[in-house]
C-alpha atoms as a PDB file:
ATOM      1  CA  MET A   1     118.886  83.469 130.165  1.00  0.00           C
ATOM      2  CA  THR A   2     116.473  85.747 128.836  1.00  0.00           C
ATOM      3  CA  ALA A   3     112.962  84.615 127.640  1.00  0.00           C
ATOM      4  CA  GLN A   4     112.591  84.775 123.869  1.00  0.00           C
ATOM      5  CA  LYS A   5     110.524  87.501 122.413  1.00  0.00           C
ATOM      6  CA  LEU A   6     107.607  86.659 120.026  1.00  0.00           C
ATOM      7  CA  VAL A   7     106.343  89.024 117.216  1.00  0.00           C
ATOM      8  CA  TYR A   8     102.804  88.268 116.400  1.00  0.00           C
ATOM      9  CA  GLY A   9      99.463  90.040 115.561  1.00  0.00           C
ATOM     10  CA  ILE A  10      98.787  93.336 114.262  1.00  0.00           C
ATOM     11  CA  SER A  11      97.323  95.814 116.618  1.00  0.00           C
ATOM     12  CA  SER A  12      97.715  99.089 114.430  1.00  0.00           C
ATOM     13  CA  VAL A  13      99.258 100.583 111.372  1.00  0.00           C
ATOM     14  CA  LYS A  14     100.208 104.003 111.304  1.00  0.00           C
ATOM     15  CA  LEU A  15     101.590 106.216 108.326  1.00  0.00           C
ATOM     16  CA  GLY A  16     103.474 109.579 108.206  1.00  0.00           C
ATOM     17  CA  ILE A  17     105.752 111.861 106.234  1.00  0.00           C
ATOM     18  CA  PRO A  18     109.083 110.629 106.803  1.00  0.00           C
ATOM     19  CA  THR A  19     111.923 113.077 108.203  1.00  0.00           C
ATOM     20  CA  ASN A  20     114.461 111.956 106.095  1.00  0.00           C
ATOM     21  CA  LEU A  21     116.457 110.788 109.360  1.00  0.00           C
ATOM     22  CA  ALA A  22     116.707 107.571 111.350  1.00  0.00           C
ATOM     23  CA  THR A  23     113.669 108.957 113.445  1.00  0.00           C
ATOM     24  CA  MET A  24     109.758 108.529 112.934  1.00  0.00           C
ATOM     25  CA  PRO A  25     107.859 111.489 112.493  1.00  0.00           C
ATOM     26  CA  ALA A  26     105.854 113.132 115.526  1.00  0.00           C
ATOM     27  CA  GLN A  27     102.679 112.789 113.453  1.00  0.00           C
ATOM     28  CA  LEU A  28     101.625 109.232 112.380  1.00  0.00           C
ATOM     29  CA  ASP A  29      97.894 108.406 111.047  1.00  0.00           C
ATOM     30  CA  ALA A  30      96.358 105.111 112.151  1.00  0.00           C
ATOM     31  CA  PHE A  31      95.610 103.301 108.700  1.00  0.00           C
ATOM     32  CA  SER A  32      92.708 101.536 107.624  1.00  0.00           C
ATOM     33  CA  GLU A  33      91.874  98.120 109.546  1.00  0.00           C
ATOM     34  CA  THR A  34      94.337  95.341 107.853  1.00  0.00           C
ATOM     35  CA  VAL A  35      92.694  91.929 106.640  1.00  0.00           C
ATOM     36  CA  LYS A  36      93.172  89.333 108.876  1.00  0.00           C
ATOM     37  CA  GLY A  37      96.348  87.100 108.272  1.00  0.00           C
ATOM     38  CA  SER A  38      97.167  89.361 105.451  1.00  0.00           C
ATOM     39  CA  PHE A  39     100.299  91.230 106.912  1.00  0.00           C
ATOM     40  CA  THR A  40     103.906  89.670 105.303  1.00  0.00           C
ATOM     41  CA  LEU A  41     107.220  90.725 106.500  1.00  0.00           C
ATOM     42  CA  ALA A  42     110.319  89.498 104.517  1.00  0.00           C
ATOM     43  CA  GLU A  43     114.015  90.434 104.144  1.00  0.00           C
ATOM     44  CA  THR A  44     115.171  90.029 100.404  1.00  0.00           C
ATOM     45  CA  ASP A  45     118.532  87.833 100.052  1.00  0.00           C
ATOM     46  CA  ALA A  46     121.824  89.916  99.770  1.00  0.00           C
ATOM     47  CA  THR A  47     123.811  89.206  96.803  1.00  0.00           C
ATOM     48  CA  GLU A  48     127.411  88.240  97.575  1.00  0.00           C
ATOM     49  CA  VAL A  49     130.371  88.230  95.300  1.00  0.00           C
ATOM     50  CA  ASP A  50     133.145  85.557  95.625  1.00  0.00           C
ATOM     51  CA  ALA A  51     136.643  85.886  94.528  1.00  0.00           C
ATOM     52  CA  LEU A  52     137.663  82.476  92.960  1.00  0.00           C
ATOM     53  CA  THR A  53     141.237  81.406  91.716  1.00  0.00           C
ATOM     54  CA  GLU A  54     142.446  78.668  89.541  1.00  0.00           C
ATOM     55  CA  GLU A  55     144.358  77.477  92.738  1.00  0.00           C
ATOM     56  CA  SER A  56     141.659  77.010  95.275  1.00  0.00           C
ATOM     57  CA  ALA A  57     138.075  75.313  95.286  1.00  0.00           C
ATOM     58  CA  ALA A  58     136.913  77.334  97.666  1.00  0.00           C
ATOM     59  CA  PRO A  59     136.469  81.475  97.421  1.00  0.00           C
ATOM     60  CA  ILE A  60     139.623  83.326  99.107  1.00  0.00           C
ATOM     61  CA  ALA A  61     137.160  85.851  99.836  1.00  0.00           C
ATOM     62  CA  SER A  62     133.365  87.070  99.625  1.00  0.00           C
ATOM     63  CA  ILE A  63     131.870  90.495  99.654  1.00  0.00           C
ATOM     64  CA  THR A  64     128.390  91.762 100.045  1.00  0.00           C
ATOM     65  CA  ASP A  65     127.407  93.566  96.579  1.00  0.00           C
ATOM     66  CA  VAL A  66     123.823  94.034  97.388  1.00  0.00           C
ATOM     67  CA  GLU A  67     122.436  94.334 100.467  1.00  0.00           C
ATOM     68  CA  SER A  68     119.233  92.739 102.048  1.00  0.00           C
ATOM     69  CA  VAL A  69     116.191  94.624 101.924  1.00  0.00           C
ATOM     70  CA  LEU A  70     112.836  94.780 103.879  1.00  0.00           C
ATOM     71  CA  GLU A  71     110.041  94.375 102.176  1.00  0.00           C
ATOM     72  CA  GLY A  72     106.047  93.504 103.378  1.00  0.00           C
ATOM     73  CA  SER A  73     102.518  93.934 102.220  1.00  0.00           C
ATOM     74  CA  TRP A  74      99.434  93.834 103.949  1.00  0.00           C
ATOM     75  CA  ARG A  75      95.477  94.324 102.782  1.00  0.00           C
ATOM     76  CA  THR A  76      92.370  96.531 103.826  1.00  0.00           C
ATOM     77  CA  TYR A  77      88.939  96.685 102.486  1.00  0.00           C
ATOM     78  CA  ASP A  78      88.811 100.440 103.078  1.00  0.00           C
ATOM     79  CA  TYR A  79      87.852 102.203  99.618  1.00  0.00           C
ATOM     80  CA  THR A  80      87.645 106.022 101.251  1.00  0.00           C
ATOM     81  CA  PRO A  81      88.716 108.583  98.512  1.00  0.00           C
ATOM     82  CA  ALA A  82      91.183 109.863 101.323  1.00  0.00           C
ATOM     83  CA  MET A  83      93.118 106.289 101.779  1.00  0.00           C
ATOM     84  CA  LEU A  84      93.113 105.437  98.530  1.00  0.00           C
ATOM     85  CA  GLU A  85      94.853 109.187  97.721  1.00  0.00           C
ATOM     86  CA  LYS A  86      97.275 108.165 100.835  1.00  0.00           C
ATOM     87  CA  VAL A  87      98.529 104.709  99.321  1.00  0.00           C
ATOM     88  CA  LYS A  88      97.551 105.357  95.104  1.00  0.00           C
ATOM     89  CA  GLY A  89      98.422 108.939  94.929  1.00  0.00           C
ATOM     90  CA  GLY A  90      95.512 110.868  92.611  1.00  0.00           C
ATOM     91  CA  ASP A  91      92.832 113.004  93.997  1.00  0.00           C
ATOM     92  CA  GLY A  92      90.673 111.957  96.786  1.00  0.00           C
ATOM     93  CA  THR A  93      90.327 115.042  99.379  1.00  0.00           C
ATOM     94  CA  THR A  94      88.876 117.357  96.458  1.00  0.00           C
ATOM     95  CA  LEU A  95      85.508 115.743  96.964  1.00  0.00           C
ATOM     96  CA  ALA A  96      85.320 113.664  99.937  1.00  0.00           C
ATOM     97  CA  THR A  97      83.102 110.949  98.118  1.00  0.00           C
ATOM     98  CA  LYS A  98      85.153 110.318  95.030  1.00  0.00           C
ATOM     99  CA  TRP A  99      88.928 109.478  94.087  1.00  0.00           C
ATOM    100  CA  GLN A 100      90.435 109.838  90.806  1.00  0.00           C
ATOM    101  CA  ALA A 101      93.419 108.058  89.674  1.00  0.00           C
ATOM    102  CA  PRO A 102      96.560 109.687  88.907  1.00  0.00           C
ATOM    103  CA  ALA A 103      97.369 110.221  85.538  1.00  0.00           C
ATOM    104  CA  ALA A 104     100.732 108.267  85.618  1.00  0.00           C
ATOM    105  CA  SER A 105     102.171 106.267  88.794  1.00  0.00           C
ATOM    106  CA  GLU A 106     103.163 108.371  91.687  1.00  0.00           C
ATOM    107  CA  ASN A 107     106.189 107.888  93.607  1.00  0.00           C
ATOM    108  CA  ILE A 108     104.926 107.546  97.136  1.00  0.00           C
ATOM    109  CA  GLU A 109     107.060 107.437 100.018  1.00  0.00           C
ATOM    110  CA  LEU A 110     105.603 107.372 103.830  1.00  0.00           C
ATOM    111  CA  ALA A 111     106.819 106.635 107.045  1.00  0.00           C
ATOM    112  CA  LEU A 112     105.490 103.092 108.461  1.00  0.00           C
ATOM    113  CA  GLN A 113     104.957 102.035 112.003  1.00  0.00           C
ATOM    114  CA  VAL A 114     103.716  98.415 112.809  1.00  0.00           C
ATOM    115  CA  ASN A 115     102.323  98.161 116.168  1.00  0.00           C
ATOM    116  CA  THR A 116     102.507  94.049 117.125  1.00  0.00           C
ATOM    117  CA  THR A 117      99.599  92.483 118.913  1.00  0.00           C
ATOM    118  CA  ALA A 118     102.958  91.246 121.047  1.00  0.00           C
ATOM    119  CA  GLY A 119     104.238  94.745 121.926  1.00  0.00           C
ATOM    120  CA  PRO A 120     107.172  95.110 119.721  1.00  0.00           C
ATOM    121  CA  VAL A 121     107.007  98.000 117.033  1.00  0.00           C
ATOM    122  CA  LEU A 122     108.594  97.855 113.787  1.00  0.00           C
ATOM    123  CA  ASN A 123     109.328 101.602 112.612  1.00  0.00           C
ATOM    124  CA  VAL A 124     110.268 102.102 108.978  1.00  0.00           C
ATOM    125  CA  TYR A 125     111.833 105.458 108.591  1.00  0.00           C
ATOM    126  CA  LYS A 126     111.264 105.981 104.783  1.00  0.00           C
ATOM    127  CA  ALA A 127     109.156 103.337 102.897  1.00  0.00           C
ATOM    128  CA  LYS A 128     108.462 103.282  98.991  1.00  0.00           C
ATOM    129  CA  ILE A 129     104.676 102.485  99.232  1.00  0.00           C
ATOM    130  CA  THR A 130     102.388 100.737  96.247  1.00  0.00           C
ATOM    131  CA  ALA A 131      98.891  99.541  95.799  1.00  0.00           C
ATOM    132  CA  LYS A 132      96.587  97.484  93.783  1.00  0.00           C
ATOM    133  CA  PHE A 133      93.331  96.494  94.066  1.00  0.00           C
ATOM    134  CA  THR A 134      92.714  93.057  93.830  1.00  0.00           C
ATOM    135  CA  GLY A 135      89.897  90.461  95.343  1.00  0.00           C
ATOM    136  CA  ASN A 136      86.390  89.609  94.245  1.00  0.00           C
ATOM    137  CA  VAL A 137      83.648  92.466  94.002  1.00  0.00           C
ATOM    138  CA  SER A 138      80.422  89.628  94.572  1.00  0.00           C
ATOM    139  CA  LYS A 139      78.097  88.360  97.175  1.00  0.00           C
ATOM    140  CA  SER A 140      80.536  86.022  98.533  1.00  0.00           C
ATOM    141  CA  GLY A 141      83.790  87.981  98.447  1.00  0.00           C
ATOM    142  CA  PHE A 142      85.398  91.728  99.582  1.00  0.00           C
ATOM    143  CA  SER A 143      87.512  93.646  97.045  1.00  0.00           C
ATOM    144  CA  GLU A 144      90.489  94.428  98.644  1.00  0.00           C
ATOM    145  CA  ILE A 145      93.608  96.848  98.196  1.00  0.00           C
ATOM    146  CA  GLU A 146      97.197  95.291  98.541  1.00  0.00           C
ATOM    147  CA  ILE A 147      99.805  97.536 100.128  1.00  0.00           C
ATOM    148  CA  ARG A 148     103.119  96.427  99.420  1.00  0.00           C
ATOM    149  CA  PHE A 149     106.336  98.358 101.265  1.00  0.00           C
ATOM    150  CA  LYS A 150     109.935  98.550 100.666  1.00  0.00           C
ATOM    151  CA  ALA A 151     112.329  99.992 103.637  1.00  0.00           C
ATOM    152  CA  LEU A 152     114.557 102.780 101.947  1.00  0.00           C
ATOM    153  CA  ALA A 153     116.994 104.335 103.902  1.00  0.00           C
ATOM    154  CA  PRO A 154     115.906 107.692 104.575  1.00  0.00           C
ATOM    155  CA  ALA A 155     119.424 109.470 103.871  1.00  0.00           C
ATOM    156  CA  ALA A 156     123.065 108.040 102.910  1.00  0.00           C
ATOM    157  CA  GLY A 157     124.364 105.894 105.527  1.00  0.00           C
ATOM    158  CA  LEU A 158     121.367 106.324 108.174  1.00  0.00           C
ATOM    159  CA  SER A 159     119.343 102.977 109.258  1.00  0.00           C
ATOM    160  CA  PRO A 160     116.192 102.257 107.301  1.00  0.00           C
ATOM    161  CA  TYR A 161     113.826 100.486 110.312  1.00  0.00           C
ATOM    162  CA  ASP A 162     114.216  99.419 113.625  1.00  0.00           C
ATOM    163  CA  TRP A 163     112.577  97.023 116.003  1.00  0.00           C
ATOM    164  CA  ASP A 164     111.455  99.018 119.147  1.00  0.00           C
ATOM    165  CA  GLU A 165     110.088  97.796 122.560  1.00  0.00           C
ATOM    166  CA  ILE A 166     111.803  94.738 122.360  1.00  0.00           C
ATOM    167  CA  ASP A 167     112.838  93.595 126.075  1.00  0.00           C
END
């Protein structure tokens, strides 16, 4: 019997431009450090449709109407203009000392790689990214940015993600 492979800890999060294939881009940029204990990962429940009949108490067939979707979130303390532009849009690179919010919400899609302390690597080929400001701005707390992602199919019929380096 093979040994169990546990997944725990975050050693790095990297972002890049999606290839629109079931592959990761050659260029991935390291993301800011992750707030301890903030990374979450979950799949939504798939939606099932049952074929019910008057003659049977149980369904005679069942199909999946909507597939489950991999979603997650993490937080960072990094308020640098370049990081804000990457996850919230707007302009943070014209002047390296200022971030200007976008006039309207921007659709941000990035490739996401999560390297775990235990070894396995989550590769999301294309992810919808949203971010919001949260936390305290006080002497007893730090303001944070919460980043959320939803795995998207890179193209019709392609897998949205994989777990790599699982022995």
